Amino acid sequence: MSHIAIIGATGRAGGQLLEEALRRGHTATAIARKASVLSGRVGVTVKEVDILNATALEDAVRGADAVFSAAHFSGIPAKAIIEPIKKAGVKRLLVVGGAGSLFAGPHLEVIDTPNFPEEYKAEASDGGVYLDALRLETALDWTLLSPSALFVEGERTGKFRIGQDNLLVDETGKSWITFADYAIAYLDEFEKPAHSRQRFTVGY
């Protein structure tokens, strides 16, 4: 099994990634400002780190087989995560992306659709910039997994579809995925890579 460093392990997405990784027998370093809430978990090493502290982040991820980043994009430029990972000698980075940079139609990103919520635009825009930075990255073996438009709490079904750059929509017109099922797709990609240096998406 592998040892994974999870940035943002106390958040909703990061927490589900941690649970899925442990379920599959991996061990993890849980990285967050208040990671101590995870103290005592079997297979989990806790590191309380300010992500913008490059030296601390480098030390926290050193020795991991891969880094999972579930950090928000706003206020955290791509290089703040990419550079410490590279300096630590970790070769693989998997990123929790957003839906805003997916395509809702020809040449139309989700962020530019008329009903995209204004309160999410800054985060979605920064997510697109982050993806652009990854696409220029040649030293890391990176993957970014975009969720569907609605990223929600819900059951772990193991039944979903995988897409590439287009928003996935179900037969009712809804675009959604639970954190638990997203985590399955994410760990599947980690264990059996199919999207090296690519973005892909998951939805029902």
N, C-alpha and C. Protein backbone atom coordinates (compact mmCIF):
# COMPACT_ATOMS: atom_id res chain seq x y z
N MET A 1 0.83 -1.19 0.00
CA MET A 1 0.00 0.00 0.00
C MET A 1 0.88 1.26 0.00
N SER A 2 0.25 2.39 -0.23
CA SER A 2 1.00 3.64 -0.38
C SER A 2 0.78 4.57 0.81
N HIS A 3 1.70 5.54 0.91
CA HIS A 3 1.53 6.61 1.90
C HIS A 3 1.23 7.90 1.15
N ILE A 4 0.13 8.53 1.52
CA ILE A 4 -0.37 9.70 0.80
C ILE A 4 -0.38 10.91 1.73
N ALA A 5 0.07 12.04 1.24
CA ALA A 5 -0.06 13.30 1.98
C ALA A 5 -1.29 14.01 1.44
N ILE A 6 -2.22 14.36 2.33
CA ILE A 6 -3.47 14.98 1.90
C ILE A 6 -3.53 16.40 2.45
N ILE A 7 -3.43 17.37 1.55
CA ILE A 7 -3.53 18.78 1.91
C ILE A 7 -5.00 19.16 1.99
N GLY A 8 -5.41 19.72 3.11
CA GLY A 8 -6.82 20.04 3.29
C GLY A 8 -7.62 18.83 3.75
N ALA A 9 -7.01 17.99 4.57
CA ALA A 9 -7.62 16.72 4.97
C ALA A 9 -8.81 16.87 5.89
N THR A 10 -9.03 18.07 6.44
CA THR A 10 -10.17 18.26 7.34
C THR A 10 -11.39 18.83 6.63
N GLY A 11 -11.26 19.16 5.35
CA GLY A 11 -12.40 19.69 4.60
C GLY A 11 -13.33 18.57 4.14
N ARG A 12 -14.42 18.95 3.49
CA ARG A 12 -15.40 17.95 3.06
C ARG A 12 -14.83 17.01 1.99
N ALA A 13 -14.17 17.57 0.99
CA ALA A 13 -13.57 16.72 -0.05
C ALA A 13 -12.36 15.99 0.50
N GLY A 14 -11.47 16.73 1.17
CA GLY A 14 -10.26 16.11 1.71
C GLY A 14 -10.57 15.03 2.73
N GLY A 15 -11.60 15.26 3.53
CA GLY A 15 -11.99 14.26 4.52
C GLY A 15 -12.46 12.96 3.89
N GLN A 16 -13.20 13.08 2.80
CA GLN A 16 -13.64 11.87 2.10
C GLN A 16 -12.48 11.16 1.40
N LEU A 17 -11.53 11.93 0.90
CA LEU A 17 -10.34 11.31 0.30
C LEU A 17 -9.57 10.54 1.36
N LEU A 18 -9.47 11.11 2.55
CA LEU A 18 -8.80 10.42 3.65
C LEU A 18 -9.52 9.13 4.00
N GLU A 19 -10.84 9.19 4.12
CA GLU A 19 -11.61 7.99 4.47
C GLU A 19 -11.46 6.90 3.42
N GLU A 20 -11.51 7.29 2.15
CA GLU A 20 -11.42 6.31 1.07
C GLU A 20 -10.02 5.70 1.02
N ALA A 21 -9.01 6.53 1.24
CA ALA A 21 -7.63 6.02 1.24
C ALA A 21 -7.44 5.00 2.37
N LEU A 22 -7.93 5.33 3.56
CA LEU A 22 -7.80 4.41 4.69
C LEU A 22 -8.59 3.14 4.45
N ARG A 23 -9.77 3.27 3.85
CA ARG A 23 -10.61 2.11 3.56
C ARG A 23 -9.87 1.12 2.66
N ARG A 24 -9.01 1.64 1.80
CA ARG A 24 -8.29 0.79 0.85
C ARG A 24 -6.94 0.32 1.39
N GLY A 25 -6.63 0.68 2.62
CA GLY A 25 -5.41 0.18 3.24
C GLY A 25 -4.20 1.07 3.12
N HIS A 26 -4.37 2.27 2.55
CA HIS A 26 -3.26 3.22 2.48
C HIS A 26 -3.09 3.91 3.83
N THR A 27 -1.94 4.51 4.05
CA THR A 27 -1.73 5.38 5.20
C THR A 27 -1.63 6.81 4.70
N ALA A 28 -1.78 7.76 5.62
CA ALA A 28 -1.83 9.15 5.17
C ALA A 28 -1.21 10.10 6.18
N THR A 29 -0.66 11.19 5.63
CA THR A 29 -0.32 12.35 6.43
C THR A 29 -1.41 13.37 6.18
N ALA A 30 -2.13 13.73 7.22
CA ALA A 30 -3.23 14.69 7.11
C ALA A 30 -2.69 16.09 7.39
N ILE A 31 -2.78 16.95 6.38
CA ILE A 31 -2.20 18.29 6.47
C ILE A 31 -3.31 19.33 6.47
N ALA A 32 -3.35 20.14 7.50
CA ALA A 32 -4.33 21.22 7.60
C ALA A 32 -3.93 22.12 8.76
N ARG A 33 -4.50 23.31 8.82
CA ARG A 33 -4.17 24.22 9.92
C ARG A 33 -4.64 23.65 11.26
N LYS A 34 -5.75 22.94 11.24
CA LYS A 34 -6.29 22.35 12.47
C LYS A 34 -6.40 20.84 12.32
N ALA A 35 -5.34 20.23 11.87
CA ALA A 35 -5.33 18.79 11.60
C ALA A 35 -5.42 17.96 12.87
N SER A 36 -5.21 18.58 14.03
CA SER A 36 -5.22 17.82 15.28
C SER A 36 -6.55 17.14 15.55
N VAL A 37 -7.62 17.59 14.90
CA VAL A 37 -8.92 16.92 15.08
C VAL A 37 -8.88 15.48 14.58
N LEU A 38 -7.86 15.16 13.79
CA LEU A 38 -7.71 13.80 13.26
C LEU A 38 -6.72 12.97 14.07
N SER A 39 -6.21 13.53 15.13
CA SER A 39 -5.24 12.80 15.97
C SER A 39 -5.86 11.51 16.51
N GLY A 40 -5.05 10.47 16.53
CA GLY A 40 -5.52 9.20 17.07
C GLY A 40 -6.08 8.24 16.03
N ARG A 41 -6.26 8.72 14.80
CA ARG A 41 -6.75 7.83 13.75
C ARG A 41 -5.66 6.84 13.37
N VAL A 42 -6.00 5.58 13.29
CA VAL A 42 -5.03 4.56 12.88
C VAL A 42 -4.63 4.81 11.42
N GLY A 43 -3.33 4.81 11.18
CA GLY A 43 -2.83 5.01 9.82
C GLY A 43 -2.69 6.45 9.41
N VAL A 44 -2.96 7.38 10.34
CA VAL A 44 -2.91 8.81 10.02
C VAL A 44 -1.85 9.52 10.85
N THR A 45 -0.97 10.26 10.17
CA THR A 45 -0.01 11.16 10.81
C THR A 45 -0.53 12.57 10.63
N VAL A 46 -0.59 13.33 11.70
CA VAL A 46 -1.16 14.68 11.65
C VAL A 46 -0.05 15.73 11.54
N LYS A 47 -0.23 16.67 10.60
CA LYS A 47 0.71 17.78 10.45
C LYS A 47 -0.08 19.08 10.36
N GLU A 48 0.04 19.92 11.38
CA GLU A 48 -0.64 21.21 11.35
C GLU A 48 0.27 22.21 10.64
N VAL A 49 -0.15 22.60 9.44
CA VAL A 49 0.70 23.40 8.55
C VAL A 49 -0.11 24.51 7.90
N ASP A 50 0.48 25.69 7.84
CA ASP A 50 -0.05 26.77 7.01
C ASP A 50 0.46 26.49 5.59
N ILE A 51 -0.46 26.25 4.67
CA ILE A 51 -0.08 25.84 3.32
C ILE A 51 0.83 26.85 2.64
N LEU A 52 0.72 28.11 3.02
CA LEU A 52 1.55 29.15 2.39
C LEU A 52 2.96 29.21 2.97
N ASN A 53 3.23 28.37 3.98
CA ASN A 53 4.58 28.25 4.53
C ASN A 53 5.29 27.16 3.73
N ALA A 54 6.05 27.56 2.74
CA ALA A 54 6.64 26.62 1.79
C ALA A 54 7.54 25.58 2.46
N THR A 55 8.35 26.01 3.41
CA THR A 55 9.27 25.09 4.08
C THR A 55 8.50 24.05 4.89
N ALA A 56 7.47 24.50 5.61
CA ALA A 56 6.68 23.58 6.42
C ALA A 56 5.93 22.58 5.54
N LEU A 57 5.41 23.05 4.42
CA LEU A 57 4.68 22.15 3.52
C LEU A 57 5.63 21.13 2.90
N GLU A 58 6.80 21.60 2.50
CA GLU A 58 7.81 20.69 1.95
C GLU A 58 8.15 19.59 2.95
N ASP A 59 8.35 19.96 4.19
CA ASP A 59 8.67 18.98 5.23
C ASP A 59 7.52 18.00 5.46
N ALA A 60 6.30 18.52 5.39
CA ALA A 60 5.12 17.70 5.68
C ALA A 60 4.88 16.63 4.61
N VAL A 61 5.18 16.94 3.36
CA VAL A 61 4.89 15.98 2.28
C VAL A 61 6.07 15.07 1.95
N ARG A 62 7.24 15.39 2.47
CA ARG A 62 8.43 14.60 2.15
C ARG A 62 8.23 13.14 2.54
N GLY A 63 8.57 12.25 1.62
CA GLY A 63 8.45 10.82 1.87
C GLY A 63 7.15 10.21 1.40
N ALA A 64 6.19 11.03 0.99
CA ALA A 64 4.91 10.51 0.51
C ALA A 64 5.07 9.94 -0.90
N ASP A 65 4.25 8.95 -1.22
CA ASP A 65 4.23 8.41 -2.58
C ASP A 65 3.49 9.34 -3.52
N ALA A 66 2.56 10.11 -2.97
CA ALA A 66 1.80 11.08 -3.76
C ALA A 66 1.21 12.12 -2.82
N VAL A 67 0.88 13.28 -3.38
CA VAL A 67 0.18 14.32 -2.64
C VAL A 67 -1.20 14.50 -3.24
N PHE A 68 -2.22 14.50 -2.38
CA PHE A 68 -3.58 14.86 -2.78
C PHE A 68 -3.80 16.29 -2.28
N SER A 69 -4.18 17.20 -3.16
CA SER A 69 -4.46 18.56 -2.74
C SER A 69 -5.95 18.86 -2.83
N ALA A 70 -6.55 19.10 -1.66
CA ALA A 70 -7.97 19.47 -1.60
C ALA A 70 -8.11 20.89 -1.06
N ALA A 71 -7.08 21.69 -1.26
CA ALA A 71 -7.09 23.07 -0.78
C ALA A 71 -7.92 23.94 -1.71
N HIS A 72 -8.50 25.01 -1.15
CA HIS A 72 -9.19 25.99 -1.98
C HIS A 72 -8.18 26.68 -2.88
N PHE A 73 -8.66 27.23 -4.00
CA PHE A 73 -7.77 27.90 -4.94
C PHE A 73 -7.56 29.38 -4.60
N SER A 74 -8.58 30.04 -4.10
CA SER A 74 -8.48 31.47 -3.81
C SER A 74 -7.44 31.72 -2.72
N GLY A 75 -6.48 32.58 -3.02
CA GLY A 75 -5.45 32.93 -2.06
C GLY A 75 -4.30 31.95 -1.98
N ILE A 76 -4.38 30.87 -2.75
CA ILE A 76 -3.30 29.87 -2.73
C ILE A 76 -2.86 29.60 -4.18
N PRO A 77 -1.88 30.33 -4.69
CA PRO A 77 -1.44 30.11 -6.07
C PRO A 77 -0.87 28.71 -6.26
N ALA A 78 -0.96 28.24 -7.48
CA ALA A 78 -0.51 26.88 -7.79
C ALA A 78 0.92 26.64 -7.35
N LYS A 79 1.79 27.62 -7.55
CA LYS A 79 3.20 27.42 -7.24
C LYS A 79 3.42 27.20 -5.73
N ALA A 80 2.49 27.70 -4.90
CA ALA A 80 2.63 27.53 -3.45
C ALA A 80 2.52 26.07 -3.04
N ILE A 81 1.88 25.28 -3.87
CA ILE A 81 1.78 23.85 -3.62
C ILE A 81 2.74 23.06 -4.49
N ILE A 82 2.83 23.43 -5.75
CA ILE A 82 3.67 22.68 -6.69
C ILE A 82 5.15 22.72 -6.29
N GLU A 83 5.67 23.89 -5.97
CA GLU A 83 7.11 24.01 -5.71
C GLU A 83 7.56 23.24 -4.47
N PRO A 84 6.87 23.33 -3.33
CA PRO A 84 7.28 22.52 -2.17
C PRO A 84 7.21 21.02 -2.43
N ILE A 85 6.23 20.60 -3.20
CA ILE A 85 6.12 19.17 -3.53
C ILE A 85 7.33 18.71 -4.33
N LYS A 86 7.71 19.51 -5.31
CA LYS A 86 8.87 19.16 -6.13
C LYS A 86 10.15 19.16 -5.29
N LYS A 87 10.30 20.16 -4.42
CA LYS A 87 11.50 20.23 -3.59
C LYS A 87 11.58 19.06 -2.62
N ALA A 88 10.41 18.53 -2.23
CA ALA A 88 10.38 17.38 -1.32
C ALA A 88 10.68 16.07 -2.04
N GLY A 89 10.73 16.12 -3.36
CA GLY A 89 11.04 14.92 -4.13
C GLY A 89 9.85 14.03 -4.43
N VAL A 90 8.64 14.53 -4.17
CA VAL A 90 7.43 13.77 -4.50
C VAL A 90 7.12 13.98 -5.97
N LYS A 91 6.82 12.92 -6.68
CA LYS A 91 6.65 13.01 -8.13
C LYS A 91 5.19 13.12 -8.58
N ARG A 92 4.26 12.76 -7.69
CA ARG A 92 2.86 12.66 -8.12
C ARG A 92 1.97 13.60 -7.32
N LEU A 93 1.13 14.35 -8.04
CA LEU A 93 0.19 15.28 -7.43
C LEU A 93 -1.18 15.09 -8.05
N LEU A 94 -2.17 14.83 -7.20
CA LEU A 94 -3.57 14.76 -7.64
C LEU A 94 -4.32 15.90 -6.98
N VAL A 95 -5.11 16.64 -7.76
CA VAL A 95 -5.75 17.87 -7.28
C VAL A 95 -7.27 17.76 -7.36
N VAL A 96 -7.92 18.20 -6.29
CA VAL A 96 -9.38 18.35 -6.31
C VAL A 96 -9.68 19.64 -7.07
N GLY A 97 -10.26 19.50 -8.25
CA GLY A 97 -10.54 20.66 -9.08
C GLY A 97 -11.94 21.21 -8.86
N GLY A 98 -12.36 22.08 -9.75
CA GLY A 98 -13.70 22.65 -9.71
C GLY A 98 -14.40 22.41 -11.03
N ALA A 99 -15.68 22.71 -11.08
CA ALA A 99 -16.46 22.49 -12.30
C ALA A 99 -16.43 23.69 -13.24
N GLY A 100 -16.00 24.85 -12.72
CA GLY A 100 -16.09 26.07 -13.50
C GLY A 100 -15.34 26.06 -14.82
N SER A 101 -14.24 25.32 -14.89
CA SER A 101 -13.44 25.29 -16.12
C SER A 101 -13.86 24.18 -17.08
N LEU A 102 -14.86 23.38 -16.69
CA LEU A 102 -15.41 22.39 -17.61
C LEU A 102 -16.23 23.10 -18.69
N PHE A 103 -16.50 22.41 -19.79
CA PHE A 103 -17.27 23.02 -20.87
C PHE A 103 -18.74 22.61 -20.80
N ALA A 104 -19.61 23.62 -20.87
CA ALA A 104 -21.05 23.37 -20.88
C ALA A 104 -21.58 23.33 -22.31
N GLY A 105 -20.75 23.71 -23.25
CA GLY A 105 -21.10 23.74 -24.67
C GLY A 105 -19.86 24.11 -25.45
N PRO A 106 -19.95 24.16 -26.78
CA PRO A 106 -18.78 24.52 -27.59
C PRO A 106 -18.20 25.88 -27.20
N HIS A 107 -16.96 25.86 -26.76
CA HIS A 107 -16.23 27.09 -26.41
C HIS A 107 -16.89 27.86 -25.26
N LEU A 108 -17.71 27.18 -24.45
CA LEU A 108 -18.40 27.84 -23.35
C LEU A 108 -18.09 27.12 -22.04
N GLU A 109 -17.27 27.76 -21.21
CA GLU A 109 -16.97 27.17 -19.91
C GLU A 109 -18.14 27.39 -18.95
N VAL A 110 -18.26 26.48 -17.99
CA VAL A 110 -19.35 26.56 -17.02
C VAL A 110 -19.36 27.91 -16.31
N ILE A 111 -18.18 28.43 -15.98
CA ILE A 111 -18.09 29.70 -15.27
C ILE A 111 -18.71 30.85 -16.06
N ASP A 112 -18.79 30.72 -17.37
CA ASP A 112 -19.32 31.78 -18.22
C ASP A 112 -20.78 31.60 -18.58
N THR A 113 -21.43 30.58 -18.04
CA THR A 113 -22.86 30.37 -18.31
C THR A 113 -23.68 31.39 -17.51
N PRO A 114 -24.87 31.76 -18.00
CA PRO A 114 -25.65 32.83 -17.38
C PRO A 114 -26.02 32.61 -15.91
N ASN A 115 -26.24 31.36 -15.51
CA ASN A 115 -26.71 31.10 -14.15
C ASN A 115 -25.60 30.71 -13.17
N PHE A 116 -24.36 30.89 -13.57
CA PHE A 116 -23.27 30.53 -12.65
C PHE A 116 -23.31 31.48 -11.45
N PRO A 117 -23.34 30.94 -10.22
CA PRO A 117 -23.47 31.78 -9.02
C PRO A 117 -22.31 32.78 -8.86
N GLU A 118 -22.64 34.01 -8.68
CA GLU A 118 -21.64 35.07 -8.56
C GLU A 118 -20.68 34.82 -7.40
N GLU A 119 -21.21 34.24 -6.31
CA GLU A 119 -20.37 34.05 -5.12
C GLU A 119 -19.28 33.00 -5.32
N TYR A 120 -19.39 32.19 -6.37
CA TYR A 120 -18.39 31.15 -6.62
C TYR A 120 -17.41 31.52 -7.73
N LYS A 121 -17.62 32.68 -8.34
CA LYS A 121 -16.81 33.02 -9.52
C LYS A 121 -15.33 33.21 -9.20
N ALA A 122 -15.02 33.82 -8.08
CA ALA A 122 -13.60 34.07 -7.75
C ALA A 122 -12.87 32.74 -7.57
N GLU A 123 -13.46 31.82 -6.80
CA GLU A 123 -12.84 30.51 -6.59
C GLU A 123 -12.72 29.75 -7.90
N ALA A 124 -13.78 29.79 -8.73
CA ALA A 124 -13.77 29.06 -10.00
C ALA A 124 -12.74 29.64 -10.96
N SER A 125 -12.61 30.97 -10.96
CA SER A 125 -11.62 31.62 -11.82
C SER A 125 -10.21 31.24 -11.41
N ASP A 126 -9.95 31.25 -10.11
CA ASP A 126 -8.63 30.86 -9.60
C ASP A 126 -8.37 29.38 -9.89
N GLY A 127 -9.42 28.57 -9.88
CA GLY A 127 -9.26 27.16 -10.23
C GLY A 127 -8.83 26.98 -11.67
N GLY A 128 -9.36 27.80 -12.55
CA GLY A 128 -8.96 27.75 -13.95
C GLY A 128 -7.51 28.15 -14.14
N VAL A 129 -7.07 29.15 -13.38
CA VAL A 129 -5.66 29.58 -13.44
C VAL A 129 -4.75 28.46 -12.93
N TYR A 130 -5.19 27.78 -11.88
CA TYR A 130 -4.43 26.66 -11.31
C TYR A 130 -4.28 25.55 -12.35
N LEU A 131 -5.37 25.23 -13.04
CA LEU A 131 -5.32 24.19 -14.07
C LEU A 131 -4.36 24.59 -15.19
N ASP A 132 -4.39 25.85 -15.58
CA ASP A 132 -3.46 26.33 -16.61
C ASP A 132 -2.02 26.16 -16.16
N ALA A 133 -1.75 26.42 -14.88
CA ALA A 133 -0.39 26.26 -14.34
C ALA A 133 0.03 24.80 -14.37
N LEU A 134 -0.89 23.91 -14.03
CA LEU A 134 -0.57 22.48 -14.08
C LEU A 134 -0.23 22.05 -15.49
N ARG A 135 -0.95 22.57 -16.45
CA ARG A 135 -0.73 22.17 -17.85
C ARG A 135 0.65 22.59 -18.37
N LEU A 136 1.28 23.51 -17.68
CA LEU A 136 2.64 23.93 -18.04
C LEU A 136 3.70 23.15 -17.26
N GLU A 137 3.25 22.35 -16.30
CA GLU A 137 4.15 21.62 -15.40
C GLU A 137 4.61 20.32 -16.05
N THR A 138 5.94 20.15 -16.15
CA THR A 138 6.50 18.96 -16.79
C THR A 138 7.24 18.04 -15.82
N ALA A 139 7.58 18.55 -14.65
CA ALA A 139 8.35 17.73 -13.71
C ALA A 139 7.46 16.79 -12.91
N LEU A 140 6.24 17.24 -12.58
CA LEU A 140 5.32 16.42 -11.80
C LEU A 140 4.40 15.59 -12.69
N ASP A 141 4.06 14.41 -12.20
CA ASP A 141 3.01 13.61 -12.83
C ASP A 141 1.71 14.03 -12.13
N TRP A 142 0.98 14.96 -12.73
CA TRP A 142 -0.19 15.55 -12.09
C TRP A 142 -1.48 15.07 -12.73
N THR A 143 -2.55 15.14 -11.96
CA THR A 143 -3.90 14.89 -12.44
C THR A 143 -4.84 15.80 -11.67
N LEU A 144 -5.81 16.39 -12.34
CA LEU A 144 -6.83 17.18 -11.67
C LEU A 144 -8.19 16.58 -11.98
N LEU A 145 -8.98 16.31 -10.94
CA LEU A 145 -10.31 15.74 -11.10
C LEU A 145 -11.36 16.79 -10.76
N SER A 146 -12.10 17.21 -11.79
CA SER A 146 -13.18 18.18 -11.57
C SER A 146 -14.46 17.45 -11.18
N PRO A 147 -15.14 17.91 -10.13
CA PRO A 147 -16.44 17.33 -9.81
C PRO A 147 -17.50 17.86 -10.77
N SER A 148 -18.71 17.41 -10.61
CA SER A 148 -19.83 17.97 -11.36
C SER A 148 -20.21 19.32 -10.77
N ALA A 149 -21.24 19.96 -11.36
CA ALA A 149 -21.62 21.31 -10.92
C ALA A 149 -22.01 21.34 -9.46
N LEU A 150 -22.75 20.32 -9.01
CA LEU A 150 -23.14 20.22 -7.60
C LEU A 150 -22.28 19.16 -6.94
N PHE A 151 -21.54 19.58 -5.91
CA PHE A 151 -20.61 18.72 -5.19
C PHE A 151 -21.18 18.63 -3.78
N VAL A 152 -21.78 17.50 -3.43
CA VAL A 152 -22.65 17.47 -2.26
C VAL A 152 -22.40 16.27 -1.35
N GLU A 153 -22.93 16.38 -0.14
CA GLU A 153 -22.95 15.25 0.78
C GLU A 153 -23.92 14.21 0.23
N GLY A 154 -23.66 12.95 0.53
CA GLY A 154 -24.57 11.90 0.06
C GLY A 154 -23.92 10.54 0.16
N GLU A 155 -24.63 9.55 -0.29
CA GLU A 155 -24.16 8.18 -0.11
C GLU A 155 -23.03 7.80 -1.06
N ARG A 156 -22.34 6.76 -0.67
CA ARG A 156 -21.25 6.18 -1.45
C ARG A 156 -21.84 5.02 -2.25
N THR A 157 -22.07 5.24 -3.55
CA THR A 157 -22.72 4.23 -4.37
C THR A 157 -21.75 3.45 -5.26
N GLY A 158 -20.66 4.10 -5.65
CA GLY A 158 -19.72 3.48 -6.58
C GLY A 158 -20.23 3.46 -8.01
N LYS A 159 -21.35 4.13 -8.26
CA LYS A 159 -21.93 4.16 -9.60
C LYS A 159 -21.91 5.59 -10.14
N PHE A 160 -21.06 5.82 -11.14
CA PHE A 160 -20.91 7.15 -11.71
C PHE A 160 -20.29 7.03 -13.09
N ARG A 161 -20.24 8.16 -13.78
CA ARG A 161 -19.61 8.20 -15.10
C ARG A 161 -18.34 9.05 -15.04
N ILE A 162 -17.41 8.72 -15.91
CA ILE A 162 -16.16 9.48 -16.05
C ILE A 162 -16.20 10.23 -17.37
N GLY A 163 -15.80 11.51 -17.34
CA GLY A 163 -15.71 12.30 -18.55
C GLY A 163 -14.35 12.98 -18.63
N GLN A 164 -14.18 13.82 -19.63
CA GLN A 164 -12.89 14.49 -19.81
C GLN A 164 -13.00 15.98 -19.50
N ASP A 165 -13.42 16.77 -20.46
CA ASP A 165 -13.45 18.22 -20.27
C ASP A 165 -14.85 18.82 -20.32
N ASN A 166 -15.86 17.99 -20.60
CA ASN A 166 -17.24 18.47 -20.69
C ASN A 166 -18.02 18.13 -19.42
N LEU A 167 -18.84 19.06 -18.97
CA LEU A 167 -19.67 18.86 -17.79
C LEU A 167 -20.60 17.67 -18.01
N LEU A 168 -20.63 16.76 -17.04
CA LEU A 168 -21.53 15.61 -17.12
C LEU A 168 -22.89 15.97 -16.54
N VAL A 169 -23.94 15.62 -17.26
CA VAL A 169 -25.31 15.93 -16.86
C VAL A 169 -26.13 14.65 -16.94
N ASP A 170 -26.98 14.39 -15.92
CA ASP A 170 -27.79 13.17 -15.96
C ASP A 170 -29.03 13.35 -16.82
N GLU A 171 -29.88 12.32 -16.86
CA GLU A 171 -31.04 12.34 -17.76
C GLU A 171 -32.08 13.39 -17.38
N THR A 172 -31.99 13.92 -16.17
CA THR A 172 -32.93 14.96 -15.75
C THR A 172 -32.35 16.36 -15.95
N GLY A 173 -31.12 16.43 -16.44
CA GLY A 173 -30.47 17.72 -16.63
C GLY A 173 -29.65 18.18 -15.45
N LYS A 174 -29.55 17.32 -14.43
CA LYS A 174 -28.80 17.66 -13.22
C LYS A 174 -27.35 17.23 -13.34
N SER A 175 -26.44 18.05 -12.86
CA SER A 175 -25.01 17.73 -12.86
C SER A 175 -24.56 17.67 -11.41
N TRP A 176 -24.26 16.44 -10.93
CA TRP A 176 -23.92 16.33 -9.51
C TRP A 176 -23.11 15.08 -9.21
N ILE A 177 -22.43 15.13 -8.06
CA ILE A 177 -21.66 13.99 -7.57
C ILE A 177 -21.52 14.18 -6.05
N THR A 178 -21.56 13.08 -5.31
CA THR A 178 -21.34 13.18 -3.86
C THR A 178 -19.84 13.17 -3.59
N PHE A 179 -19.48 13.71 -2.44
CA PHE A 179 -18.07 13.69 -2.03
C PHE A 179 -17.57 12.25 -1.93
N ALA A 180 -18.42 11.35 -1.46
CA ALA A 180 -18.01 9.95 -1.27
C ALA A 180 -17.73 9.26 -2.59
N ASP A 181 -18.58 9.47 -3.58
CA ASP A 181 -18.35 8.84 -4.88
C ASP A 181 -17.20 9.51 -5.63
N TYR A 182 -17.08 10.82 -5.46
CA TYR A 182 -15.93 11.53 -6.02
C TYR A 182 -14.63 10.91 -5.50
N ALA A 183 -14.61 10.61 -4.20
CA ALA A 183 -13.41 10.03 -3.59
C ALA A 183 -13.08 8.67 -4.19
N ILE A 184 -14.10 7.90 -4.53
CA ILE A 184 -13.85 6.60 -5.17
C ILE A 184 -13.14 6.80 -6.50
N ALA A 185 -13.68 7.72 -7.33
CA ALA A 185 -13.06 7.98 -8.63
C ALA A 185 -11.63 8.48 -8.48
N TYR A 186 -11.41 9.30 -7.48
CA TYR A 186 -10.09 9.89 -7.22
C TYR A 186 -9.09 8.81 -6.83
N LEU A 187 -9.47 7.93 -5.90
CA LEU A 187 -8.56 6.85 -5.47
C LEU A 187 -8.38 5.82 -6.57
N ASP A 188 -9.40 5.60 -7.38
CA ASP A 188 -9.25 4.71 -8.54
C ASP A 188 -8.15 5.24 -9.46
N GLU A 189 -8.18 6.55 -9.69
CA GLU A 189 -7.17 7.18 -10.55
C GLU A 189 -5.78 7.07 -9.92
N PHE A 190 -5.71 7.25 -8.62
CA PHE A 190 -4.42 7.12 -7.93
C PHE A 190 -3.86 5.71 -8.08
N GLU A 191 -4.71 4.71 -7.88
CA GLU A 191 -4.25 3.33 -7.89
C GLU A 191 -4.02 2.79 -9.30
N LYS A 192 -4.83 3.24 -10.27
CA LYS A 192 -4.69 2.80 -11.66
C LYS A 192 -4.74 4.03 -12.56
N PRO A 193 -3.61 4.73 -12.70
CA PRO A 193 -3.59 5.99 -13.44
C PRO A 193 -4.06 5.85 -14.89
N ALA A 194 -4.99 6.72 -15.25
CA ALA A 194 -5.49 6.75 -16.63
C ALA A 194 -5.50 8.16 -17.20
N HIS A 195 -5.17 9.15 -16.36
CA HIS A 195 -5.23 10.55 -16.80
C HIS A 195 -3.98 11.31 -16.36
N SER A 196 -2.82 10.77 -16.71
CA SER A 196 -1.56 11.43 -16.37
C SER A 196 -1.44 12.75 -17.12
N ARG A 197 -1.15 13.82 -16.35
CA ARG A 197 -1.03 15.19 -16.87
C ARG A 197 -2.28 15.60 -17.65
N GLN A 198 -3.42 15.25 -17.08
CA GLN A 198 -4.70 15.60 -17.67
C GLN A 198 -5.69 16.02 -16.57
N ARG A 199 -6.74 16.72 -17.00
CA ARG A 199 -7.91 16.95 -16.17
C ARG A 199 -8.98 15.98 -16.64
N PHE A 200 -9.77 15.45 -15.71
CA PHE A 200 -10.95 14.70 -16.08
C PHE A 200 -12.05 15.00 -15.08
N THR A 201 -13.23 14.44 -15.29
CA THR A 201 -14.36 14.78 -14.43
C THR A 201 -15.18 13.54 -14.11
N VAL A 202 -16.02 13.66 -13.10
CA VAL A 202 -16.86 12.55 -12.65
C VAL A 202 -18.26 13.08 -12.32
N GLY A 203 -19.28 12.29 -12.63
CA GLY A 203 -20.66 12.69 -12.33
C GLY A 203 -21.61 11.54 -12.58
N TYR A 204 -22.86 11.76 -12.24
CA TYR A 204 -23.87 10.71 -12.43
C TYR A 204 -24.51 10.77 -13.81
